[in-house]
Amino acid sequence: HCGLMAVQGSLNRLNGSALALSEFLQLHRVLLLLLQHLLVH
């Protein structure tokens, strides 16, 4: 039970990290799109 609780905590932290990374990559995707438009102009 203690081991499973520790694994659950680790998975929760990993899920939070994955969510943060996803938002970070989405922000970079938006910045790259803006840069592309700037270069076209």
PDB file of all heavy atoms in Angstrom:
ATOM      1  N   HIS A   1       0.827  -1.201   0.000  1.00  0.00           N
ATOM      2  CA  HIS A   1       0.000   0.000   0.000  1.00  0.00           C
ATOM      3  C   HIS A   1       0.869   1.263   0.000  1.00  0.00           C
ATOM      4  O   HIS A   1       0.624   2.192  -0.775  1.00  0.00           O
ATOM      5  CB  HIS A   1      -0.938  -0.006   1.210  1.00  0.00           C
ATOM      6  CG  HIS A   1      -1.754   1.239   1.349  1.00  0.00           C
ATOM      7  ND1 HIS A   1      -2.794   1.534   0.503  1.00  0.00           N
ATOM      8  CD2 HIS A   1      -1.667   2.278   2.214  1.00  0.00           C
ATOM      9  CE1 HIS A   1      -3.316   2.695   0.845  1.00  0.00           C
ATOM     10  NE2 HIS A   1      -2.658   3.165   1.892  1.00  0.00           N
ATOM     11  N   CYS A   2       1.885   1.299   0.837  1.00  0.00           N
ATOM     12  CA  CYS A   2       2.792   2.454   0.885  1.00  0.00           C
ATOM     13  C   CYS A   2       3.516   2.629  -0.448  1.00  0.00           C
ATOM     14  O   CYS A   2       3.670   3.756  -0.937  1.00  0.00           O
ATOM     15  CB  CYS A   2       3.803   2.287   2.015  1.00  0.00           C
ATOM     16  SG  CYS A   2       3.075   2.443   3.652  1.00  0.00           S
ATOM     17  N   GLY A   3       3.946   1.520  -1.040  1.00  0.00           N
ATOM     18  CA  GLY A   3       4.611   1.587  -2.332  1.00  0.00           C
ATOM     19  C   GLY A   3       3.683   2.123  -3.416  1.00  0.00           C
ATOM     20  O   GLY A   3       4.078   2.956  -4.238  1.00  0.00           O
ATOM     21  N   LEU A   4       2.440   1.650  -3.401  1.00  0.00           N
ATOM     22  CA  LEU A   4       1.465   2.129  -4.390  1.00  0.00           C
ATOM     23  C   LEU A   4       1.143   3.605  -4.184  1.00  0.00           C
ATOM     24  O   LEU A   4       0.957   4.340  -5.159  1.00  0.00           O
ATOM     25  CB  LEU A   4       0.190   1.292  -4.329  1.00  0.00           C
ATOM     26  CG  LEU A   4       0.318  -0.146  -4.852  1.00  0.00           C
ATOM     27  CD1 LEU A   4      -0.977  -0.906  -4.619  1.00  0.00           C
ATOM     28  CD2 LEU A   4       0.698  -0.163  -6.318  1.00  0.00           C
ATOM     29  N   MET A   5       1.076   4.043  -2.952  1.00  0.00           N
ATOM     30  CA  MET A   5       0.839   5.455  -2.677  1.00  0.00           C
ATOM     31  C   MET A   5       2.010   6.305  -3.181  1.00  0.00           C
ATOM     32  O   MET A   5       1.814   7.393  -3.732  1.00  0.00           O
ATOM     33  CB  MET A   5       0.606   5.691  -1.184  1.00  0.00           C
ATOM     34  CG  MET A   5      -0.669   5.051  -0.653  1.00  0.00           C
ATOM     35  SD  MET A   5      -2.146   5.651  -1.471  1.00  0.00           S
ATOM     36  CE  MET A   5      -2.254   7.273  -0.786  1.00  0.00           C
ATOM     37  N   ALA A   6       3.238   5.801  -3.005  1.00  0.00           N
ATOM     38  CA  ALA A   6       4.413   6.522  -3.500  1.00  0.00           C
ATOM     39  C   ALA A   6       4.395   6.584  -5.024  1.00  0.00           C
ATOM     40  O   ALA A   6       4.704   7.625  -5.625  1.00  0.00           O
ATOM     41  CB  ALA A   6       5.697   5.845  -3.009  1.00  0.00           C
ATOM     42  N   VAL A   7       4.026   5.474  -5.676  1.00  0.00           N
ATOM     43  CA  VAL A   7       3.927   5.456  -7.138  1.00  0.00           C
ATOM     44  C   VAL A   7       2.856   6.436  -7.601  1.00  0.00           C
ATOM     45  O   VAL A   7       3.052   7.170  -8.578  1.00  0.00           O
ATOM     46  CB  VAL A   7       3.635   4.026  -7.643  1.00  0.00           C
ATOM     47  CG1 VAL A   7       3.239   4.025  -9.118  1.00  0.00           C
ATOM     48  CG2 VAL A   7       4.840   3.129  -7.426  1.00  0.00           C
ATOM     49  N   GLN A   8       1.729   6.473  -6.908  1.00  0.00           N
ATOM     50  CA  GLN A   8       0.660   7.401  -7.261  1.00  0.00           C
ATOM     51  C   GLN A   8       1.135   8.849  -7.146  1.00  0.00           C
ATOM     52  O   GLN A   8       0.866   9.676  -8.016  1.00  0.00           O
ATOM     53  CB  GLN A   8      -0.566   7.185  -6.375  1.00  0.00           C
ATOM     54  CG  GLN A   8      -1.722   8.092  -6.729  1.00  0.00           C
ATOM     55  CD  GLN A   8      -2.923   7.897  -5.815  1.00  0.00           C
ATOM     56  OE1 GLN A   8      -2.843   7.196  -4.818  1.00  0.00           O
ATOM     57  NE2 GLN A   8      -4.024   8.521  -6.167  1.00  0.00           N
ATOM     58  N   GLY A   9       1.866   9.162  -6.085  1.00  0.00           N
ATOM     59  CA  GLY A   9       2.413  10.513  -5.935  1.00  0.00           C
ATOM     60  C   GLY A   9       3.376  10.853  -7.058  1.00  0.00           C
ATOM     61  O   GLY A   9       3.345  11.965  -7.612  1.00  0.00           O
ATOM     62  N   SER A  10       4.219   9.887  -7.417  1.00  0.00           N
ATOM     63  CA  SER A  10       5.161  10.116  -8.517  1.00  0.00           C
ATOM     64  C   SER A  10       4.430  10.323  -9.834  1.00  0.00           C
ATOM     65  O   SER A  10       4.798  11.193 -10.634  1.00  0.00           O
ATOM     66  CB  SER A  10       6.123   8.936  -8.648  1.00  0.00           C
ATOM     67  OG  SER A  10       6.920   8.817  -7.493  1.00  0.00           O
ATOM     68  N   LEU A  11       3.389   9.531 -10.065  1.00  0.00           N
ATOM     69  CA  LEU A  11       2.610   9.688 -11.294  1.00  0.00           C
ATOM     70  C   LEU A  11       1.888  11.028 -11.325  1.00  0.00           C
ATOM     71  O   LEU A  11       1.779  11.655 -12.382  1.00  0.00           O
ATOM     72  CB  LEU A  11       1.615   8.535 -11.442  1.00  0.00           C
ATOM     73  CG  LEU A  11       2.223   7.176 -11.785  1.00  0.00           C
ATOM     74  CD1 LEU A  11       1.142   6.098 -11.780  1.00  0.00           C
ATOM     75  CD2 LEU A  11       2.949   7.203 -13.118  1.00  0.00           C
ATOM     76  N   ASN A  12       1.413  11.497 -10.187  1.00  0.00           N
ATOM     77  CA  ASN A  12       0.771  12.807 -10.127  1.00  0.00           C
ATOM     78  C   ASN A  12       1.764  13.918 -10.468  1.00  0.00           C
ATOM     79  O   ASN A  12       1.439  14.850 -11.202  1.00  0.00           O
ATOM     80  CB  ASN A  12       0.156  13.053  -8.752  1.00  0.00           C
ATOM     81  CG  ASN A  12      -1.109  12.244  -8.534  1.00  0.00           C
ATOM     82  OD1 ASN A  12      -1.747  11.801  -9.474  1.00  0.00           O
ATOM     83  ND2 ASN A  12      -1.465  12.037  -7.282  1.00  0.00           N
ATOM     84  N   ARG A  13       2.982  13.811  -9.922  1.00  0.00           N
ATOM     85  CA  ARG A  13       4.004  14.812 -10.236  1.00  0.00           C
ATOM     86  C   ARG A  13       4.396  14.744 -11.711  1.00  0.00           C
ATOM     87  O   ARG A  13       4.576  15.765 -12.372  1.00  0.00           O
ATOM     88  CB  ARG A  13       5.228  14.618  -9.348  1.00  0.00           C
ATOM     89  CG  ARG A  13       5.016  15.095  -7.916  1.00  0.00           C
ATOM     90  CD  ARG A  13       6.308  15.100  -7.121  1.00  0.00           C
ATOM     91  NE  ARG A  13       6.911  13.784  -6.984  1.00  0.00           N
ATOM     92  CZ  ARG A  13       6.556  12.866  -6.080  1.00  0.00           C
ATOM     93  NH1 ARG A  13       5.601  13.139  -5.223  1.00  0.00           N
ATOM     94  NH2 ARG A  13       7.152  11.704  -6.032  1.00  0.00           N
ATOM     95  N   LEU A  14       4.495  13.524 -12.241  1.00  0.00           N
ATOM     96  CA  LEU A  14       4.817  13.348 -13.655  1.00  0.00           C
ATOM     97  C   LEU A  14       3.710  13.928 -14.532  1.00  0.00           C
ATOM     98  O   LEU A  14       3.988  14.578 -15.548  1.00  0.00           O
ATOM     99  CB  LEU A  14       5.015  11.866 -13.967  1.00  0.00           C
ATOM    100  CG  LEU A  14       5.447  11.502 -15.385  1.00  0.00           C
ATOM    101  CD1 LEU A  14       6.775  12.152 -15.721  1.00  0.00           C
ATOM    102  CD2 LEU A  14       5.540  10.001 -15.530  1.00  0.00           C
ATOM    103  N   ASN A  15       2.459  13.734 -14.138  1.00  0.00           N
ATOM    104  CA  ASN A  15       1.340  14.301 -14.874  1.00  0.00           C
ATOM    105  C   ASN A  15       1.420  15.830 -14.863  1.00  0.00           C
ATOM    106  O   ASN A  15       1.197  16.474 -15.889  1.00  0.00           O
ATOM    107  CB  ASN A  15       0.020  13.824 -14.263  1.00  0.00           C
ATOM    108  CG  ASN A  15      -1.177  14.303 -15.044  1.00  0.00           C
ATOM    109  OD1 ASN A  15      -1.127  14.434 -16.251  1.00  0.00           O
ATOM    110  ND2 ASN A  15      -2.260  14.569 -14.347  1.00  0.00           N
ATOM    111  N   GLY A  16       1.753  16.406 -13.720  1.00  0.00           N
ATOM    112  CA  GLY A  16       1.914  17.864 -13.636  1.00  0.00           C
ATOM    113  C   GLY A  16       3.043  18.355 -14.520  1.00  0.00           C
ATOM    114  O   GLY A  16       2.918  19.379 -15.199  1.00  0.00           O
ATOM    115  N   SER A  17       4.139  17.620 -14.530  1.00  0.00           N
ATOM    116  CA  SER A  17       5.265  17.999 -15.386  1.00  0.00           C
ATOM    117  C   SER A  17       4.899  17.890 -16.855  1.00  0.00           C
ATOM    118  O   SER A  17       5.276  18.756 -17.663  1.00  0.00           O
ATOM    119  CB  SER A  17       6.473  17.100 -15.097  1.00  0.00           C
ATOM    120  OG  SER A  17       6.909  17.270 -13.773  1.00  0.00           O
ATOM    121  N   ALA A  18       4.182  16.841 -17.223  1.00  0.00           N
ATOM    122  CA  ALA A  18       3.756  16.679 -18.616  1.00  0.00           C
ATOM    123  C   ALA A  18       2.817  17.809 -19.026  1.00  0.00           C
ATOM    124  O   ALA A  18       2.909  18.332 -20.140  1.00  0.00           O
ATOM    125  CB  ALA A  18       3.078  15.324 -18.810  1.00  0.00           C
ATOM    126  N   LEU A  19       1.934  18.210 -18.140  1.00  0.00           N
ATOM    127  CA  LEU A  19       1.020  19.311 -18.431  1.00  0.00           C
ATOM    128  C   LEU A  19       1.792  20.617 -18.609  1.00  0.00           C
ATOM    129  O   LEU A  19       1.536  21.379 -19.542  1.00  0.00           O
ATOM    130  CB  LEU A  19      -0.012  19.451 -17.310  1.00  0.00           C
ATOM    131  CG  LEU A  19      -1.046  20.555 -17.478  1.00  0.00           C
ATOM    132  CD1 LEU A  19      -1.890  20.321 -18.723  1.00  0.00           C
ATOM    133  CD2 LEU A  19      -1.933  20.642 -16.253  1.00  0.00           C
ATOM    134  N   ALA A  20       2.761  20.868 -17.724  1.00  0.00           N
ATOM    135  CA  ALA A  20       3.574  22.080 -17.843  1.00  0.00           C
ATOM    136  C   ALA A  20       4.367  22.076 -19.150  1.00  0.00           C
ATOM    137  O   ALA A  20       4.469  23.097 -19.833  1.00  0.00           O
ATOM    138  CB  ALA A  20       4.515  22.200 -16.644  1.00  0.00           C
ATOM    139  N   LEU A  21       4.915  20.918 -19.507  1.00  0.00           N
ATOM    140  CA  LEU A  21       5.670  20.809 -20.762  1.00  0.00           C
ATOM    141  C   LEU A  21       4.754  21.035 -21.957  1.00  0.00           C
ATOM    142  O   LEU A  21       5.131  21.709 -22.927  1.00  0.00           O
ATOM    143  CB  LEU A  21       6.340  19.439 -20.858  1.00  0.00           C
ATOM    144  CG  LEU A  21       7.179  19.173 -22.093  1.00  0.00           C
ATOM    145  CD1 LEU A  21       8.328  20.170 -22.191  1.00  0.00           C
ATOM    146  CD2 LEU A  21       7.711  17.757 -22.090  1.00  0.00           C
ATOM    147  N   SER A  22       3.556  20.512 -21.895  1.00  0.00           N
ATOM    148  CA  SER A  22       2.596  20.714 -22.977  1.00  0.00           C
ATOM    149  C   SER A  22       2.270  22.191 -23.141  1.00  0.00           C
ATOM    150  O   SER A  22       2.235  22.703 -24.266  1.00  0.00           O
ATOM    151  CB  SER A  22       1.321  19.928 -22.678  1.00  0.00           C
ATOM    152  OG  SER A  22       0.312  20.238 -23.602  1.00  0.00           O
ATOM    153  N   GLU A  23       2.043  22.897 -22.050  1.00  0.00           N
ATOM    154  CA  GLU A  23       1.759  24.333 -22.128  1.00  0.00           C
ATOM    155  C   GLU A  23       2.965  25.103 -22.648  1.00  0.00           C
ATOM    156  O   GLU A  23       2.825  26.044 -23.433  1.00  0.00           O
ATOM    157  CB  GLU A  23       1.338  24.852 -20.755  1.00  0.00           C
ATOM    158  CG  GLU A  23      -0.026  24.352 -20.323  1.00  0.00           C
ATOM    159  CD  GLU A  23      -0.388  24.754 -18.912  1.00  0.00           C
ATOM    160  OE1 GLU A  23       0.415  25.449 -18.251  1.00  0.00           O
ATOM    161  OE2 GLU A  23      -1.485  24.377 -18.475  1.00  0.00           O
ATOM    162  N   PHE A  24       4.155  24.692 -22.215  1.00  0.00           N
ATOM    163  CA  PHE A  24       5.391  25.322 -22.678  1.00  0.00           C
ATOM    164  C   PHE A  24       5.545  25.159 -24.192  1.00  0.00           C
ATOM    165  O   PHE A  24       5.851  26.117 -24.907  1.00  0.00           O
ATOM    166  CB  PHE A  24       6.575  24.693 -21.937  1.00  0.00           C
ATOM    167  CG  PHE A  24       7.913  25.225 -22.324  1.00  0.00           C
ATOM    168  CD1 PHE A  24       8.322  26.484 -21.906  1.00  0.00           C
ATOM    169  CD2 PHE A  24       8.779  24.464 -23.088  1.00  0.00           C
ATOM    170  CE1 PHE A  24       9.566  26.974 -22.254  1.00  0.00           C
ATOM    171  CE2 PHE A  24      10.029  24.945 -23.446  1.00  0.00           C
ATOM    172  CZ  PHE A  24      10.410  26.198 -23.026  1.00  0.00           C
ATOM    173  N   LEU A  25       5.299  23.940 -24.688  1.00  0.00           N
ATOM    174  CA  LEU A  25       5.418  23.687 -26.122  1.00  0.00           C
ATOM    175  C   LEU A  25       4.335  24.419 -26.904  1.00  0.00           C
ATOM    176  O   LEU A  25       4.577  24.889 -28.015  1.00  0.00           O
ATOM    177  CB  LEU A  25       5.362  22.182 -26.395  1.00  0.00           C
ATOM    178  CG  LEU A  25       6.571  21.389 -25.898  1.00  0.00           C
ATOM    179  CD1 LEU A  25       6.353  19.905 -26.124  1.00  0.00           C
ATOM    180  CD2 LEU A  25       7.850  21.851 -26.556  1.00  0.00           C
ATOM    181  N   GLN A  26       3.149  24.526 -26.328  1.00  0.00           N
ATOM    182  CA  GLN A  26       2.077  25.264 -26.996  1.00  0.00           C
ATOM    183  C   GLN A  26       2.447  26.739 -27.110  1.00  0.00           C
ATOM    184  O   GLN A  26       2.218  27.361 -28.143  1.00  0.00           O
ATOM    185  CB  GLN A  26       0.772  25.094 -26.228  1.00  0.00           C
ATOM    186  CG  GLN A  26      -0.421  25.698 -26.929  1.00  0.00           C
ATOM    187  CD  GLN A  26      -1.720  25.389 -26.209  1.00  0.00           C
ATOM    188  OE1 GLN A  26      -1.727  24.736 -25.175  1.00  0.00           O
ATOM    189  NE2 GLN A  26      -2.814  25.857 -26.747  1.00  0.00           N
ATOM    190  N   LEU A  27       3.034  27.288 -26.065  1.00  0.00           N
ATOM    191  CA  LEU A  27       3.483  28.675 -26.109  1.00  0.00           C
ATOM    192  C   LEU A  27       4.537  28.858 -27.195  1.00  0.00           C
ATOM    193  O   LEU A  27       4.492  29.812 -27.969  1.00  0.00           O
ATOM    194  CB  LEU A  27       4.045  29.099 -24.752  1.00  0.00           C
ATOM    195  CG  LEU A  27       4.682  30.482 -24.683  1.00  0.00           C
ATOM    196  CD1 LEU A  27       3.638  31.565 -24.943  1.00  0.00           C
ATOM    197  CD2 LEU A  27       5.345  30.701 -23.339  1.00  0.00           C
ATOM    198  N   HIS A  28       5.477  27.919 -27.287  1.00  0.00           N
ATOM    199  CA  HIS A  28       6.508  28.023 -28.322  1.00  0.00           C
ATOM    200  C   HIS A  28       5.909  27.878 -29.712  1.00  0.00           C
ATOM    201  O   HIS A  28       6.370  28.506 -30.654  1.00  0.00           O
ATOM    202  CB  HIS A  28       7.604  26.983 -28.086  1.00  0.00           C
ATOM    203  CG  HIS A  28       8.634  27.456 -27.119  1.00  0.00           C
ATOM    204  ND1 HIS A  28       8.386  27.585 -25.782  1.00  0.00           N
ATOM    205  CD2 HIS A  28       9.900  27.876 -27.305  1.00  0.00           C
ATOM    206  CE1 HIS A  28       9.448  28.046 -25.181  1.00  0.00           C
ATOM    207  NE2 HIS A  28      10.397  28.236 -26.077  1.00  0.00           N
ATOM    208  N   ARG A  29       4.880  27.044 -29.845  1.00  0.00           N
ATOM    209  CA  ARG A  29       4.211  26.898 -31.134  1.00  0.00           C
ATOM    210  C   ARG A  29       3.589  28.227 -31.549  1.00  0.00           C
ATOM    211  O   ARG A  29       3.693  28.644 -32.702  1.00  0.00           O
ATOM    212  CB  ARG A  29       3.133  25.814 -31.030  1.00  0.00           C
ATOM    213  CG  ARG A  29       2.576  25.372 -32.349  1.00  0.00           C
ATOM    214  CD  ARG A  29       1.600  24.206 -32.203  1.00  0.00           C
ATOM    215  NE  ARG A  29       2.122  23.137 -31.380  1.00  0.00           N
ATOM    216  CZ  ARG A  29       1.484  22.614 -30.333  1.00  0.00           C
ATOM    217  NH1 ARG A  29       0.298  23.046 -29.987  1.00  0.00           N
ATOM    218  NH2 ARG A  29       2.028  21.637 -29.639  1.00  0.00           N
ATOM    219  N   VAL A  30       2.973  28.917 -30.599  1.00  0.00           N
ATOM    220  CA  VAL A  30       2.367  30.220 -30.890  1.00  0.00           C
ATOM    221  C   VAL A  30       3.454  31.227 -31.252  1.00  0.00           C
ATOM    222  O   VAL A  30       3.314  31.995 -32.214  1.00  0.00           O
ATOM    223  CB  VAL A  30       1.532  30.716 -29.686  1.00  0.00           C
ATOM    224  CG1 VAL A  30       1.117  32.162 -29.854  1.00  0.00           C
ATOM    225  CG2 VAL A  30       0.304  29.839 -29.504  1.00  0.00           C
ATOM    226  N   LEU A  31       4.556  31.218 -30.506  1.00  0.00           N
ATOM    227  CA  LEU A  31       5.655  32.141 -30.801  1.00  0.00           C
ATOM    228  C   LEU A  31       6.257  31.871 -32.178  1.00  0.00           C
ATOM    229  O   LEU A  31       6.598  32.806 -32.912  1.00  0.00           O
ATOM    230  CB  LEU A  31       6.728  32.058 -29.716  1.00  0.00           C
ATOM    231  CG  LEU A  31       6.334  32.620 -28.351  1.00  0.00           C
ATOM    232  CD1 LEU A  31       7.432  32.378 -27.333  1.00  0.00           C
ATOM    233  CD2 LEU A  31       6.016  34.105 -28.450  1.00  0.00           C
ATOM    234  N   LEU A  32       6.380  30.605 -32.546  1.00  0.00           N
ATOM    235  CA  LEU A  32       6.902  30.278 -33.877  1.00  0.00           C
ATOM    236  C   LEU A  32       5.942  30.723 -34.973  1.00  0.00           C
ATOM    237  O   LEU A  32       6.376  31.192 -36.033  1.00  0.00           O
ATOM    238  CB  LEU A  32       7.171  28.776 -33.986  1.00  0.00           C
ATOM    239  CG  LEU A  32       8.405  28.276 -33.250  1.00  0.00           C
ATOM    240  CD1 LEU A  32       8.476  26.749 -33.320  1.00  0.00           C
ATOM    241  CD2 LEU A  32       9.671  28.883 -33.812  1.00  0.00           C
ATOM    242  N   LEU A  33       4.649  30.601 -34.732  1.00  0.00           N
ATOM    243  CA  LEU A  33       3.674  31.070 -35.703  1.00  0.00           C
ATOM    244  C   LEU A  33       3.769  32.585 -35.877  1.00  0.00           C
ATOM    245  O   LEU A  33       3.748  33.096 -37.000  1.00  0.00           O
ATOM    246  CB  LEU A  33       2.262  30.673 -35.263  1.00  0.00           C
ATOM    247  CG  LEU A  33       1.124  31.057 -36.192  1.00  0.00           C
ATOM    248  CD1 LEU A  33       1.242  30.331 -37.524  1.00  0.00           C
ATOM    249  CD2 LEU A  33      -0.210  30.748 -35.545  1.00  0.00           C
ATOM    250  N   LEU A  34       3.908  33.306 -34.754  1.00  0.00           N
ATOM    251  CA  LEU A  34       4.063  34.756 -34.832  1.00  0.00           C
ATOM    252  C   LEU A  34       5.353  35.137 -35.557  1.00  0.00           C
ATOM    253  O   LEU A  34       5.372  36.073 -36.355  1.00  0.00           O
ATOM    254  CB  LEU A  34       4.037  35.367 -33.433  1.00  0.00           C
ATOM    255  CG  LEU A  34       2.690  35.334 -32.718  1.00  0.00           C
ATOM    256  CD1 LEU A  34       2.843  35.811 -31.272  1.00  0.00           C
ATOM    257  CD2 LEU A  34       1.664  36.163 -33.445  1.00  0.00           C
ATOM    258  N   LEU A  35       6.421  34.411 -35.289  1.00  0.00           N
ATOM    259  CA  LEU A  35       7.686  34.668 -35.973  1.00  0.00           C
ATOM    260  C   LEU A  35       7.554  34.411 -37.473  1.00  0.00           C
ATOM    261  O   LEU A  35       8.073  35.176 -38.288  1.00  0.00           O
ATOM    262  CB  LEU A  35       8.796  33.787 -35.381  1.00  0.00           C
ATOM    263  CG  LEU A  35      10.168  33.918 -36.019  1.00  0.00           C
ATOM    264  CD1 LEU A  35      10.705  35.340 -35.855  1.00  0.00           C
ATOM    265  CD2 LEU A  35      11.134  32.910 -35.431  1.00  0.00           C
ATOM    266  N   GLN A  36       6.836  33.358 -37.831  1.00  0.00           N
ATOM    267  CA  GLN A  36       6.620  33.065 -39.251  1.00  0.00           C
ATOM    268  C   GLN A  36       5.878  34.215 -39.925  1.00  0.00           C
ATOM    269  O   GLN A  36       6.265  34.657 -41.010  1.00  0.00           O
ATOM    270  CB  GLN A  36       5.832  31.773 -39.393  1.00  0.00           C
ATOM    271  CG  GLN A  36       5.541  31.396 -40.826  1.00  0.00           C
ATOM    272  CD  GLN A  36       4.665  30.164 -40.930  1.00  0.00           C
ATOM    273  OE1 GLN A  36       4.113  29.702 -39.938  1.00  0.00           O
ATOM    274  NE2 GLN A  36       4.528  29.639 -42.121  1.00  0.00           N
ATOM    275  N   HIS A  37       4.825  34.714 -39.282  1.00  0.00           N
ATOM    276  CA  HIS A  37       4.090  35.836 -39.863  1.00  0.00           C
ATOM    277  C   HIS A  37       4.973  37.083 -39.962  1.00  0.00           C
ATOM    278  O   HIS A  37       4.911  37.818 -40.953  1.00  0.00           O
ATOM    279  CB  HIS A  37       2.833  36.152 -39.033  1.00  0.00           C
ATOM    280  CG  HIS A  37       1.736  35.164 -39.245  1.00  0.00           C
ATOM    281  ND1 HIS A  37       1.053  35.054 -40.421  1.00  0.00           N
ATOM    282  CD2 HIS A  37       1.208  34.229 -38.426  1.00  0.00           C
ATOM    283  CE1 HIS A  37       0.146  34.107 -40.325  1.00  0.00           C
ATOM    284  NE2 HIS A  37       0.216  33.584 -39.121  1.00  0.00           N
ATOM    285  N   LEU A  38       5.795  37.312 -38.937  1.00  0.00           N
ATOM    286  CA  LEU A  38       6.697  38.456 -38.963  1.00  0.00           C
ATOM    287  C   LEU A  38       7.685  38.339 -40.122  1.00  0.00           C
ATOM    288  O   LEU A  38       7.932  39.311 -40.841  1.00  0.00           O
ATOM    289  CB  LEU A  38       7.444  38.549 -37.627  1.00  0.00           C
ATOM    290  CG  LEU A  38       8.409  39.707 -37.460  1.00  0.00           C
ATOM    291  CD1 LEU A  38       7.633  41.030 -37.446  1.00  0.00           C
ATOM    292  CD2 LEU A  38       9.203  39.555 -36.184  1.00  0.00           C
ATOM    293  N   LEU A  39       8.225  37.147 -40.335  1.00  0.00           N
ATOM    294  CA  LEU A  39       9.165  36.946 -41.442  1.00  0.00           C
ATOM    295  C   LEU A  39       8.492  37.121 -42.791  1.00  0.00           C
ATOM    296  O   LEU A  39       9.090  37.688 -43.722  1.00  0.00           O
ATOM    297  CB  LEU A  39       9.805  35.561 -41.336  1.00  0.00           C
ATOM    298  CG  LEU A  39      10.797  35.383 -40.190  1.00  0.00           C
ATOM    299  CD1 LEU A  39      11.244  33.929 -40.110  1.00  0.00           C
ATOM    300  CD2 LEU A  39      11.988  36.301 -40.328  1.00  0.00           C
ATOM    301  N   VAL A  40       7.254  36.663 -42.919  1.00  0.00           N
ATOM    302  CA  VAL A  40       6.526  36.841 -44.178  1.00  0.00           C
ATOM    303  C   VAL A  40       6.335  38.328 -44.456  1.00  0.00           C
ATOM    304  O   VAL A  40       6.553  38.801 -45.581  1.00  0.00           O
ATOM    305  CB  VAL A  40       5.166  36.100 -44.130  1.00  0.00           C
ATOM    306  CG1 VAL A  40       4.260  36.542 -45.258  1.00  0.00           C
ATOM    307  CG2 VAL A  40       5.391  34.598 -44.188  1.00  0.00           C
ATOM    308  N   HIS A  41       5.948  39.082 -43.423  1.00  0.00           N
ATOM    309  CA  HIS A  41       5.748  40.518 -43.618  1.00  0.00           C
ATOM    310  C   HIS A  41       7.069  41.231 -43.919  1.00  0.00           C
ATOM    311  O   HIS A  41       7.113  42.137 -44.755  1.00  0.00           O
ATOM    312  CB  HIS A  41       5.055  41.139 -42.402  1.00  0.00           C
ATOM    313  CG  HIS A  41       3.632  40.711 -42.267  1.00  0.00           C
ATOM    314  ND1 HIS A  41       2.671  41.023 -43.197  1.00  0.00           N
ATOM    315  CD2 HIS A  41       2.997  39.975 -41.325  1.00  0.00           C
ATOM    316  CE1 HIS A  41       1.512  40.517 -42.837  1.00  0.00           C
ATOM    317  NE2 HIS A  41       1.678  39.861 -41.701  1.00  0.00           N
TER     318      HIS A  41
END
